[in-house]
Amino acid sequence: MATEPPTNPTPPLLAPPAPPSPWRDADFRRLWVGQIASRFGAQAGQVVLPLVAVVSLDAEAGQLGALRAVEQAPLLLVSLFVGGNSSLRAVGLASALCQFSFAALMTVYLFHLPRGLRPPGTAVGLALAATGPGAVVGSLPAVWLPGRFRFGPVLVAPAVLADAVMLCVPALRGSPAVTLPALMGINFLFGTFSQLVNVTTTAVRQAVTPLRVQGRVVATINFAGLRLTPLGSLLGGLLTVQWGLRTSLLLTAAVALSPLFMALSPPTRLGTSLPDEHRPTGGRRGVDRMDRAARGRPDQAEHT
């Protein structure tokens, strides 16, 4: 006797729908355009003004360091605090050390380009502009690299590589026909690795931060890092005066390897996926503690 087919067959498993493209979101497009305009203006002030001071006004290394420090001085007036979570502390410390060392490095670098290598003005622009395409390339593998190699290694390895390529700058010598392609390659690689770190760090920060304090945590980490940039710029100018261009480039590039300390920090233990809850370790009390810290209020006694 033939058996009857089951009345409720198991439906076939369907693949989850693909996430919608952000380009369909008008708010995202406006944000993207605004970011482009903001970065364009920022680069004009951070790069063009120092180069004009060195090339046209014959500014010395110490004066260039002071100029960049004054430009970044308003950041010293802002002080916020992040401590509600160990991963955020590590990210904040890495950001602060990176911004400090990068400010020192860029002060020496912007003085070294026109005075040490002496390329034409167009060559300087091309070399610095190569960072942009590198950043675009670096953002692409950030989508799949953490899922294959874990978030921890993807945070540390590109940060070290980005700083390591800058160690090649002091070795450059010769005519612009030789140094320009090398400078463009160095800046391209720096932009690639740096952007990979930036995207991965943002993903980690968003995963461990409660939704209601996302904005305050972003502001805190940014200001905690950027507050050290005036001091880094002054250090870069002082080192150039005392030790010369190539030695100072080598020293500041070596100091920029500070992200190595993250190899021992909590984010490096992250696996191929991030926490799916927007809350720090410690449950509800951890969330409340982070909320009070982000508001600038100390911990208060909790009553049951």
C-alpha atoms as a PDB file:
ATOM      1  CA  MET A   1       0.000   0.000   0.000  1.00  0.00           C
ATOM      2  CA  ALA A   2       1.463   3.368  -1.022  1.00  0.00           C
ATOM      3  CA  THR A   3       2.245   5.852   1.758  1.00  0.00           C
ATOM      4  CA  GLU A   4       0.705   9.277   1.601  1.00  0.00           C
ATOM      5  CA  PRO A   5       3.024  12.284   1.282  1.00  0.00           C
ATOM      6  CA  PRO A   6       3.364  14.410   4.430  1.00  0.00           C
ATOM      7  CA  THR A   7       0.731  17.098   4.686  1.00  0.00           C
ATOM      8  CA  ASN A   8       3.158  19.770   5.958  1.00  0.00           C
ATOM      9  CA  PRO A   9       6.420  19.394   4.068  1.00  0.00           C
ATOM     10  CA  THR A  10       9.387  21.341   5.415  1.00  0.00           C
ATOM     11  CA  PRO A  11       9.809  24.495   3.306  1.00  0.00           C
ATOM     12  CA  PRO A  12      13.207  24.940   1.655  1.00  0.00           C
ATOM     13  CA  LEU A  13      15.702  27.147   3.447  1.00  0.00           C
ATOM     14  CA  LEU A  14      15.975  30.559   1.872  1.00  0.00           C
ATOM     15  CA  ALA A  15      19.083  32.702   1.893  1.00  0.00           C
ATOM     16  CA  PRO A  16      18.729  35.853   4.013  1.00  0.00           C
ATOM     17  CA  PRO A  17      17.960  38.954   1.963  1.00  0.00           C
ATOM     18  CA  ALA A  18      20.908  41.126   1.052  1.00  0.00           C
ATOM     19  CA  PRO A  19      21.169  44.339   3.065  1.00  0.00           C
ATOM     20  CA  PRO A  20      19.941  47.423   1.187  1.00  0.00           C
ATOM     21  CA  SER A  21      22.562  49.549  -0.510  1.00  0.00           C
ATOM     22  CA  PRO A  22      23.393  52.726   1.436  1.00  0.00           C
ATOM     23  CA  TRP A  23      23.481  54.606  -1.866  1.00  0.00           C
ATOM     24  CA  ARG A  24      19.679  54.366  -1.941  1.00  0.00           C
ATOM     25  CA  ASP A  25      19.491  56.328   1.294  1.00  0.00           C
ATOM     26  CA  ALA A  26      19.277  60.083   0.671  1.00  0.00           C
ATOM     27  CA  ASP A  27      20.665  60.854   4.143  1.00  0.00           C
ATOM     28  CA  PHE A  28      23.720  58.697   3.455  1.00  0.00           C
ATOM     29  CA  ARG A  29      24.348  60.473   0.151  1.00  0.00           C
ATOM     30  CA  ARG A  30      24.119  63.864   1.850  1.00  0.00           C
ATOM     31  CA  LEU A  31      26.514  62.696   4.571  1.00  0.00           C
ATOM     32  CA  TRP A  32      28.960  61.412   1.945  1.00  0.00           C
ATOM     33  CA  VAL A  33      28.947  64.706   0.040  1.00  0.00           C
ATOM     34  CA  GLY A  34      29.357  66.644   3.276  1.00  0.00           C
ATOM     35  CA  GLN A  35      32.320  64.489   4.296  1.00  0.00           C
ATOM     36  CA  ILE A  36      33.998  65.118   0.940  1.00  0.00           C
ATOM     37  CA  ALA A  37      33.608  68.871   1.322  1.00  0.00           C
ATOM     38  CA  SER A  38      34.836  68.730   4.916  1.00  0.00           C
ATOM     39  CA  ARG A  39      37.922  66.664   4.089  1.00  0.00           C
ATOM     40  CA  PHE A  40      38.740  68.894   1.115  1.00  0.00           C
ATOM     41  CA  GLY A  41      38.779  71.961   3.324  1.00  0.00           C
ATOM     42  CA  ALA A  42      40.674  70.200   6.099  1.00  0.00           C
ATOM     43  CA  GLN A  43      43.407  69.011   3.740  1.00  0.00           C
ATOM     44  CA  ALA A  44      43.766  72.502   2.302  1.00  0.00           C
ATOM     45  CA  GLY A  45      44.512  73.816   5.770  1.00  0.00           C
ATOM     46  CA  GLN A  46      46.619  70.917   7.044  1.00  0.00           C
ATOM     47  CA  VAL A  47      48.796  70.455   3.956  1.00  0.00           C
ATOM     48  CA  VAL A  48      48.720  73.563   1.771  1.00  0.00           C
ATOM     49  CA  LEU A  49      49.297  76.091   4.551  1.00  0.00           C
ATOM     50  CA  PRO A  50      52.429  74.353   5.938  1.00  0.00           C
ATOM     51  CA  LEU A  51      53.858  73.949   2.438  1.00  0.00           C
ATOM     52  CA  VAL A  52      53.277  77.635   1.678  1.00  0.00           C
ATOM     53  CA  ALA A  53      55.037  78.514   4.930  1.00  0.00           C
ATOM     54  CA  VAL A  54      58.072  76.376   4.028  1.00  0.00           C
ATOM     55  CA  VAL A  55      58.323  77.126   0.309  1.00  0.00           C
ATOM     56  CA  SER A  56      57.175  80.742   0.031  1.00  0.00           C
ATOM     57  CA  LEU A  57      57.889  82.163   3.488  1.00  0.00           C
ATOM     58  CA  ASP A  58      61.112  80.193   4.179  1.00  0.00           C
ATOM     59  CA  ALA A  59      59.809  78.962   7.535  1.00  0.00           C
ATOM     60  CA  GLU A  60      62.240  76.857   9.558  1.00  0.00           C
ATOM     61  CA  ALA A  61      61.426  73.497  11.142  1.00  0.00           C
ATOM     62  CA  GLY A  62      60.696  74.958  14.581  1.00  0.00           C
ATOM     63  CA  GLN A  63      58.409  77.574  13.078  1.00  0.00           C
ATOM     64  CA  LEU A  64      56.560  74.937  11.071  1.00  0.00           C
ATOM     65  CA  GLY A  65      56.031  72.891  14.223  1.00  0.00           C
ATOM     66  CA  ALA A  66      54.676  75.939  16.033  1.00  0.00           C
ATOM     67  CA  LEU A  67      52.389  76.774  13.094  1.00  0.00           C
ATOM     68  CA  ARG A  68      50.860  73.305  13.059  1.00  0.00           C
ATOM     69  CA  ALA A  69      50.542  73.316  16.852  1.00  0.00           C
ATOM     70  CA  VAL A  70      48.661  76.637  16.822  1.00  0.00           C
ATOM     71  CA  GLU A  71      46.394  75.282  14.074  1.00  0.00           C
ATOM     72  CA  GLN A  72      45.553  72.275  16.248  1.00  0.00           C
ATOM     73  CA  ALA A  73      45.548  74.111  19.607  1.00  0.00           C
ATOM     74  CA  PRO A  74      41.733  74.441  19.936  1.00  0.00           C
ATOM     75  CA  LEU A  75      41.596  70.675  20.407  1.00  0.00           C
ATOM     76  CA  LEU A  76      43.419  71.079  23.734  1.00  0.00           C
ATOM     77  CA  LEU A  77      40.436  72.962  25.109  1.00  0.00           C
ATOM     78  CA  VAL A  78      38.144  69.959  24.885  1.00  0.00           C
ATOM     79  CA  SER A  79      38.388  67.132  27.392  1.00  0.00           C
ATOM     80  CA  LEU A  80      36.015  64.159  27.447  1.00  0.00           C
ATOM     81  CA  PHE A  81      36.354  60.755  29.063  1.00  0.00           C
ATOM     82  CA  VAL A  82      35.987  57.148  27.881  1.00  0.00           C
ATOM     83  CA  GLY A  83      36.610  54.323  30.362  1.00  0.00           C
ATOM     84  CA  GLY A  84      33.015  52.516  30.560  1.00  0.00           C
ATOM     85  CA  ASN A  85      34.682  49.358  28.534  1.00  0.00           C
ATOM     86  CA  SER A  86      38.271  47.680  28.068  1.00  0.00           C
ATOM     87  CA  SER A  87      38.060  47.514  24.278  1.00  0.00           C
ATOM     88  CA  LEU A  88      37.115  51.190  24.072  1.00  0.00           C
ATOM     89  CA  ARG A  89      39.993  52.103  26.396  1.00  0.00           C
ATOM     90  CA  ALA A  90      42.426  50.275  24.113  1.00  0.00           C
ATOM     91  CA  VAL A  91      40.975  51.927  21.009  1.00  0.00           C
ATOM     92  CA  GLY A  92      41.121  55.344  22.687  1.00  0.00           C
ATOM     93  CA  LEU A  93      44.740  54.901  23.815  1.00  0.00           C
ATOM     94  CA  ALA A  94      45.789  53.644  20.381  1.00  0.00           C
ATOM     95  CA  SER A  95      44.060  56.613  18.763  1.00  0.00           C
ATOM     96  CA  ALA A  96      45.799  59.073  21.085  1.00  0.00           C
ATOM     97  CA  LEU A  97      49.265  57.597  20.522  1.00  0.00           C
ATOM     98  CA  CYS A  98      48.707  57.335  16.775  1.00  0.00           C
ATOM     99  CA  GLN A  99      47.531  60.936  16.460  1.00  0.00           C
ATOM    100  CA  PHE A 100      50.467  62.199  18.547  1.00  0.00           C
ATOM    101  CA  SER A 101      53.107  60.317  16.570  1.00  0.00           C
ATOM    102  CA  PHE A 102      51.453  61.025  13.222  1.00  0.00           C
ATOM    103  CA  ALA A 103      51.388  64.771  13.941  1.00  0.00           C
ATOM    104  CA  ALA A 104      55.119  64.660  14.688  1.00  0.00           C
ATOM    105  CA  LEU A 105      55.803  62.599  11.584  1.00  0.00           C
ATOM    106  CA  MET A 106      53.785  64.847   9.274  1.00  0.00           C
ATOM    107  CA  THR A 107      55.512  67.985  10.545  1.00  0.00           C
ATOM    108  CA  VAL A 108      58.900  66.512   9.644  1.00  0.00           C
ATOM    109  CA  TYR A 109      57.523  65.019   6.419  1.00  0.00           C
ATOM    110  CA  LEU A 110      56.047  68.305   5.174  1.00  0.00           C
ATOM    111  CA  PHE A 111      59.371  70.024   5.879  1.00  0.00           C
ATOM    112  CA  HIS A 112      61.382  67.211   4.284  1.00  0.00           C
ATOM    113  CA  LEU A 113      59.485  67.189   0.975  1.00  0.00           C
ATOM    114  CA  PRO A 114      60.343  70.716  -0.233  1.00  0.00           C
ATOM    115  CA  ARG A 115      63.639  71.143   1.660  1.00  0.00           C
ATOM    116  CA  GLY A 116      65.149  67.655   1.630  1.00  0.00           C
ATOM    117  CA  LEU A 117      63.989  66.082  -1.640  1.00  0.00           C
ATOM    118  CA  ARG A 118      63.245  69.367  -3.443  1.00  0.00           C
ATOM    119  CA  PRO A 119      60.704  68.071  -5.991  1.00  0.00           C
ATOM    120  CA  PRO A 120      58.551  70.450  -8.064  1.00  0.00           C
ATOM    121  CA  GLY A 121      55.358  71.681  -6.446  1.00  0.00           C
ATOM    122  CA  THR A 122      53.236  69.476  -8.699  1.00  0.00           C
ATOM    123  CA  ALA A 123      55.210  66.413  -7.613  1.00  0.00           C
ATOM    124  CA  VAL A 124      54.557  67.203  -3.953  1.00  0.00           C
ATOM    125  CA  GLY A 125      50.835  67.412  -4.655  1.00  0.00           C
ATOM    126  CA  LEU A 126      50.825  64.127  -6.559  1.00  0.00           C
ATOM    127  CA  ALA A 127      52.738  62.353  -3.808  1.00  0.00           C
ATOM    128  CA  LEU A 128      50.356  63.508  -1.073  1.00  0.00           C
ATOM    129  CA  ALA A 129      47.266  62.895  -3.220  1.00  0.00           C
ATOM    130  CA  ALA A 130      48.162  59.215  -3.596  1.00  0.00           C
ATOM    131  CA  THR A 131      46.892  58.662  -0.053  1.00  0.00           C
ATOM    132  CA  GLY A 132      43.292  59.158  -1.241  1.00  0.00           C
ATOM    133  CA  PRO A 133      43.122  56.283  -3.759  1.00  0.00           C
ATOM    134  CA  GLY A 134      44.911  54.120  -1.213  1.00  0.00           C
ATOM    135  CA  ALA A 135      42.173  54.817   1.324  1.00  0.00           C
ATOM    136  CA  VAL A 136      39.521  53.794  -1.204  1.00  0.00           C
ATOM    137  CA  VAL A 137      41.323  50.521  -1.862  1.00  0.00           C
ATOM    138  CA  GLY A 138      41.794  49.895   1.859  1.00  0.00           C
ATOM    139  CA  SER A 139      38.084  50.222   2.575  1.00  0.00           C
ATOM    140  CA  LEU A 140      37.171  47.331   0.245  1.00  0.00           C
ATOM    141  CA  PRO A 141      38.812  44.345   2.026  1.00  0.00           C
ATOM    142  CA  ALA A 142      37.606  45.673   5.386  1.00  0.00           C
ATOM    143  CA  VAL A 143      34.293  43.975   4.560  1.00  0.00           C
ATOM    144  CA  TRP A 144      35.652  40.409   4.454  1.00  0.00           C
ATOM    145  CA  LEU A 145      39.120  40.359   6.060  1.00  0.00           C
ATOM    146  CA  PRO A 146      37.879  40.267   9.697  1.00  0.00           C
ATOM    147  CA  GLY A 147      35.599  37.336   8.888  1.00  0.00           C
ATOM    148  CA  ARG A 148      38.570  35.383   7.568  1.00  0.00           C
ATOM    149  CA  PHE A 149      41.450  36.400   9.829  1.00  0.00           C
ATOM    150  CA  ARG A 150      39.548  37.670  12.932  1.00  0.00           C
ATOM    151  CA  PHE A 151      39.053  41.273  13.996  1.00  0.00           C
ATOM    152  CA  GLY A 152      42.045  41.302  16.356  1.00  0.00           C
ATOM    153  CA  PRO A 153      44.795  40.666  13.774  1.00  0.00           C
ATOM    154  CA  VAL A 154      43.066  42.962  11.262  1.00  0.00           C
ATOM    155  CA  LEU A 155      43.255  45.754  13.836  1.00  0.00           C
ATOM    156  CA  VAL A 156      46.952  45.358  14.639  1.00  0.00           C
ATOM    157  CA  ALA A 157      48.708  44.119  11.488  1.00  0.00           C
ATOM    158  CA  PRO A 158      47.595  46.897   9.077  1.00  0.00           C
ATOM    159  CA  ALA A 159      48.364  49.540  11.727  1.00  0.00           C
ATOM    160  CA  VAL A 160      51.933  48.289  12.010  1.00  0.00           C
ATOM    161  CA  LEU A 161      52.306  48.010   8.223  1.00  0.00           C
ATOM    162  CA  ALA A 162      50.958  51.531   7.676  1.00  0.00           C
ATOM    163  CA  ASP A 163      53.584  52.966  10.001  1.00  0.00           C
ATOM    164  CA  ALA A 164      56.336  50.686   8.742  1.00  0.00           C
ATOM    165  CA  VAL A 165      56.061  51.942   5.151  1.00  0.00           C
ATOM    166  CA  MET A 166      56.821  55.455   6.406  1.00  0.00           C
ATOM    167  CA  LEU A 167      60.216  54.170   7.567  1.00  0.00           C
ATOM    168  CA  CYS A 168      61.142  54.050   3.872  1.00  0.00           C
ATOM    169  CA  VAL A 169      60.901  57.834   3.467  1.00  0.00           C
ATOM    170  CA  PRO A 170      64.309  58.689   5.055  1.00  0.00           C
ATOM    171  CA  ALA A 171      66.021  56.322   2.602  1.00  0.00           C
ATOM    172  CA  LEU A 172      64.773  58.184  -0.487  1.00  0.00           C
ATOM    173  CA  ARG A 173      67.424  60.060  -2.436  1.00  0.00           C
ATOM    174  CA  GLY A 174      67.979  61.145  -6.007  1.00  0.00           C
ATOM    175  CA  SER A 175      66.073  63.014  -8.691  1.00  0.00           C
ATOM    176  CA  PRO A 176      62.296  63.529  -8.656  1.00  0.00           C
ATOM    177  CA  ALA A 177      62.029  60.947 -11.432  1.00  0.00           C
ATOM    178  CA  VAL A 178      63.089  58.357  -8.826  1.00  0.00           C
ATOM    179  CA  THR A 179      61.679  59.758  -5.624  1.00  0.00           C
ATOM    180  CA  LEU A 180      58.225  60.766  -6.914  1.00  0.00           C
ATOM    181  CA  PRO A 181      57.024  57.241  -7.834  1.00  0.00           C
ATOM    182  CA  ALA A 182      58.457  55.953  -4.542  1.00  0.00           C
ATOM    183  CA  LEU A 183      56.670  58.672  -2.540  1.00  0.00           C
ATOM    184  CA  MET A 184      53.403  57.982  -4.331  1.00  0.00           C
ATOM    185  CA  GLY A 185      53.741  54.274  -3.578  1.00  0.00           C
ATOM    186  CA  ILE A 186      54.510  54.932   0.087  1.00  0.00           C
ATOM    187  CA  ASN A 187      51.549  57.272   0.508  1.00  0.00           C
ATOM    188  CA  PHE A 188      49.262  54.889  -1.376  1.00  0.00           C
ATOM    189  CA  LEU A 189      50.179  51.997   0.915  1.00  0.00           C
ATOM    190  CA  PHE A 190      49.888  54.191   3.993  1.00  0.00           C
ATOM    191  CA  GLY A 191      46.392  55.224   2.935  1.00  0.00           C
ATOM    192  CA  THR A 192      45.404  51.613   2.229  1.00  0.00           C
ATOM    193  CA  PHE A 193      46.501  50.177   5.571  1.00  0.00           C
ATOM    194  CA  SER A 194      45.302  53.175   7.567  1.00  0.00           C
ATOM    195  CA  GLN A 195      41.808  53.038   6.098  1.00  0.00           C
ATOM    196  CA  LEU A 196      41.580  49.312   6.797  1.00  0.00           C
ATOM    197  CA  VAL A 197      42.334  50.041  10.463  1.00  0.00           C
ATOM    198  CA  ASN A 198      39.858  52.938  10.561  1.00  0.00           C
ATOM    199  CA  VAL A 199      36.964  50.874   9.197  1.00  0.00           C
ATOM    200  CA  THR A 200      37.681  47.915  11.479  1.00  0.00           C
ATOM    201  CA  THR A 201      38.032  50.144  14.532  1.00  0.00           C
ATOM    202  CA  THR A 202      34.700  51.776  13.758  1.00  0.00           C
ATOM    203  CA  ALA A 203      33.023  48.366  13.520  1.00  0.00           C
ATOM    204  CA  VAL A 204      34.444  47.296  16.893  1.00  0.00           C
ATOM    205  CA  ARG A 205      33.481  50.571  18.555  1.00  0.00           C
ATOM    206  CA  GLN A 206      29.917  50.418  17.296  1.00  0.00           C
ATOM    207  CA  ALA A 207      29.533  46.791  18.387  1.00  0.00           C
ATOM    208  CA  VAL A 208      30.560  47.354  22.022  1.00  0.00           C
ATOM    209  CA  THR A 209      28.883  50.748  22.536  1.00  0.00           C
ATOM    210  CA  PRO A 210      25.237  51.131  23.632  1.00  0.00           C
ATOM    211  CA  LEU A 211      23.139  52.838  20.989  1.00  0.00           C
ATOM    212  CA  ARG A 212      22.191  55.808  23.114  1.00  0.00           C
ATOM    213  CA  VAL A 213      25.819  56.835  23.762  1.00  0.00           C
ATOM    214  CA  GLN A 214      27.263  56.150  20.300  1.00  0.00           C
ATOM    215  CA  GLY A 215      27.679  59.835  19.465  1.00  0.00           C
ATOM    216  CA  ARG A 216      29.255  60.726  22.793  1.00  0.00           C
ATOM    217  CA  VAL A 217      31.716  57.837  22.623  1.00  0.00           C
ATOM    218  CA  VAL A 218      32.783  58.812  19.094  1.00  0.00           C
ATOM    219  CA  ALA A 219      33.328  62.403  20.208  1.00  0.00           C
ATOM    220  CA  THR A 220      35.263  61.286  23.275  1.00  0.00           C
ATOM    221  CA  ILE A 221      37.635  58.995  21.378  1.00  0.00           C
ATOM    222  CA  ASN A 222      38.220  61.580  18.647  1.00  0.00           C
ATOM    223  CA  PHE A 223      38.951  64.395  21.067  1.00  0.00           C
ATOM    224  CA  ALA A 224      41.091  62.190  23.308  1.00  0.00           C
ATOM    225  CA  GLY A 225      43.293  61.416  20.322  1.00  0.00           C
ATOM    226  CA  LEU A 226      43.269  64.806  18.624  1.00  0.00           C
ATOM    227  CA  ARG A 227      44.133  66.703  21.816  1.00  0.00           C
ATOM    228  CA  LEU A 228      47.699  65.377  21.545  1.00  0.00           C
ATOM    229  CA  THR A 229      48.278  66.532  17.966  1.00  0.00           C
ATOM    230  CA  PRO A 230      49.576  70.034  18.869  1.00  0.00           C
ATOM    231  CA  LEU A 231      52.184  68.456  21.140  1.00  0.00           C
ATOM    232  CA  GLY A 232      53.170  66.032  18.393  1.00  0.00           C
ATOM    233  CA  SER A 233      53.607  68.874  15.916  1.00  0.00           C
ATOM    234  CA  LEU A 234      55.840  70.754  18.344  1.00  0.00           C
ATOM    235  CA  LEU A 235      57.886  67.605  18.919  1.00  0.00           C
ATOM    236  CA  GLY A 236      58.361  67.111  15.181  1.00  0.00           C
ATOM    237  CA  GLY A 237      59.670  70.653  14.749  1.00  0.00           C
ATOM    238  CA  LEU A 238      61.960  70.355  17.777  1.00  0.00           C
ATOM    239  CA  LEU A 239      63.434  67.050  16.611  1.00  0.00           C
ATOM    240  CA  THR A 240      64.146  68.478  13.159  1.00  0.00           C
ATOM    241  CA  VAL A 241      65.997  71.432  14.667  1.00  0.00           C
ATOM    242  CA  GLN A 242      68.057  69.222  16.981  1.00  0.00           C
ATOM    243  CA  TRP A 243      68.670  66.099  14.884  1.00  0.00           C
ATOM    244  CA  GLY A 244      68.148  67.033  11.227  1.00  0.00           C
ATOM    245  CA  LEU A 245      65.611  65.886   8.668  1.00  0.00           C
ATOM    246  CA  ARG A 246      66.437  62.241   7.997  1.00  0.00           C
ATOM    247  CA  THR A 247      67.131  61.307  11.603  1.00  0.00           C
ATOM    248  CA  SER A 248      63.924  63.010  12.715  1.00  0.00           C
ATOM    249  CA  LEU A 249      61.944  61.213  10.020  1.00  0.00           C
ATOM    250  CA  LEU A 250      63.334  57.903  11.209  1.00  0.00           C
ATOM    251  CA  LEU A 251      62.598  58.673  14.861  1.00  0.00           C
ATOM    252  CA  THR A 252      59.034  59.871  14.292  1.00  0.00           C
ATOM    253  CA  ALA A 253      58.251  56.953  11.987  1.00  0.00           C
ATOM    254  CA  ALA A 254      59.575  54.563  14.652  1.00  0.00           C
ATOM    255  CA  VAL A 255      57.459  56.249  17.333  1.00  0.00           C
ATOM    256  CA  ALA A 256      54.470  55.803  15.032  1.00  0.00           C
ATOM    257  CA  LEU A 257      54.813  52.045  15.565  1.00  0.00           C
ATOM    258  CA  SER A 258      53.029  52.605  18.885  1.00  0.00           C
ATOM    259  CA  PRO A 259      50.000  50.526  17.754  1.00  0.00           C
ATOM    260  CA  LEU A 260      52.157  47.505  18.601  1.00  0.00           C
ATOM    261  CA  PHE A 261      50.948  47.845  22.192  1.00  0.00           C
ATOM    262  CA  MET A 262      47.482  46.865  20.971  1.00  0.00           C
ATOM    263  CA  ALA A 263      48.821  43.348  20.408  1.00  0.00           C
ATOM    264  CA  LEU A 264      48.367  42.804  24.158  1.00  0.00           C
ATOM    265  CA  SER A 265      45.030  44.606  24.452  1.00  0.00           C
ATOM    266  CA  PRO A 266      41.471  43.190  24.545  1.00  0.00           C
ATOM    267  CA  PRO A 267      40.507  43.997  20.906  1.00  0.00           C
ATOM    268  CA  THR A 268      43.139  41.580  19.601  1.00  0.00           C
ATOM    269  CA  ARG A 269      41.225  38.713  21.208  1.00  0.00           C
ATOM    270  CA  LEU A 270      38.140  39.415  19.101  1.00  0.00           C
ATOM    271  CA  GLY A 271      37.202  36.582  16.754  1.00  0.00           C
ATOM    272  CA  THR A 272      35.523  36.509  13.361  1.00  0.00           C
ATOM    273  CA  SER A 273      32.318  38.049  14.709  1.00  0.00           C
ATOM    274  CA  LEU A 274      31.544  40.951  16.989  1.00  0.00           C
ATOM    275  CA  PRO A 275      29.202  41.070  19.997  1.00  0.00           C
ATOM    276  CA  ASP A 276      25.604  41.317  18.831  1.00  0.00           C
ATOM    277  CA  GLU A 277      24.508  43.391  21.796  1.00  0.00           C
ATOM    278  CA  HIS A 278      25.188  47.126  22.003  1.00  0.00           C
ATOM    279  CA  ARG A 279      26.304  46.971  25.591  1.00  0.00           C
ATOM    280  CA  PRO A 280      29.678  46.824  27.390  1.00  0.00           C
ATOM    281  CA  THR A 281      30.792  44.074  29.733  1.00  0.00           C
ATOM    282  CA  GLY A 282      28.969  44.294  33.031  1.00  0.00           C
ATOM    283  CA  GLY A 283      25.331  44.085  31.914  1.00  0.00           C
ATOM    284  CA  ARG A 284      22.933  46.837  32.869  1.00  0.00           C
ATOM    285  CA  ARG A 285      25.298  48.377  35.388  1.00  0.00           C
ATOM    286  CA  GLY A 286      28.007  48.546  32.741  1.00  0.00           C
ATOM    287  CA  VAL A 287      25.642  50.395  30.412  1.00  0.00           C
ATOM    288  CA  ASP A 288      24.642  52.845  33.144  1.00  0.00           C
ATOM    289  CA  ARG A 289      28.284  53.399  34.090  1.00  0.00           C
ATOM    290  CA  MET A 290      29.230  54.150  30.463  1.00  0.00           C
ATOM    291  CA  ASP A 291      26.236  56.491  30.171  1.00  0.00           C
ATOM    292  CA  ARG A 292      27.322  58.475  33.232  1.00  0.00           C
ATOM    293  CA  ALA A 293      30.958  58.576  32.043  1.00  0.00           C
ATOM    294  CA  ALA A 294      29.922  59.835  28.627  1.00  0.00           C
ATOM    295  CA  ARG A 295      27.858  62.569  30.306  1.00  0.00           C
ATOM    296  CA  GLY A 296      30.889  63.557  32.399  1.00  0.00           C
ATOM    297  CA  ARG A 297      29.334  62.430  35.709  1.00  0.00           C
ATOM    298  CA  PRO A 298      31.142  60.141  38.162  1.00  0.00           C
ATOM    299  CA  ASP A 299      29.763  56.820  39.297  1.00  0.00           C
ATOM    300  CA  GLN A 300      27.018  57.143  41.857  1.00  0.00           C
ATOM    301  CA  ALA A 301      25.796  54.645  44.386  1.00  0.00           C
ATOM    302  CA  GLU A 302      23.103  52.404  42.893  1.00  0.00           C
ATOM    303  CA  HIS A 303      20.073  51.699  45.074  1.00  0.00           C
ATOM    304  CA  THR A 304      18.050  48.551  44.759  1.00  0.00           C
END
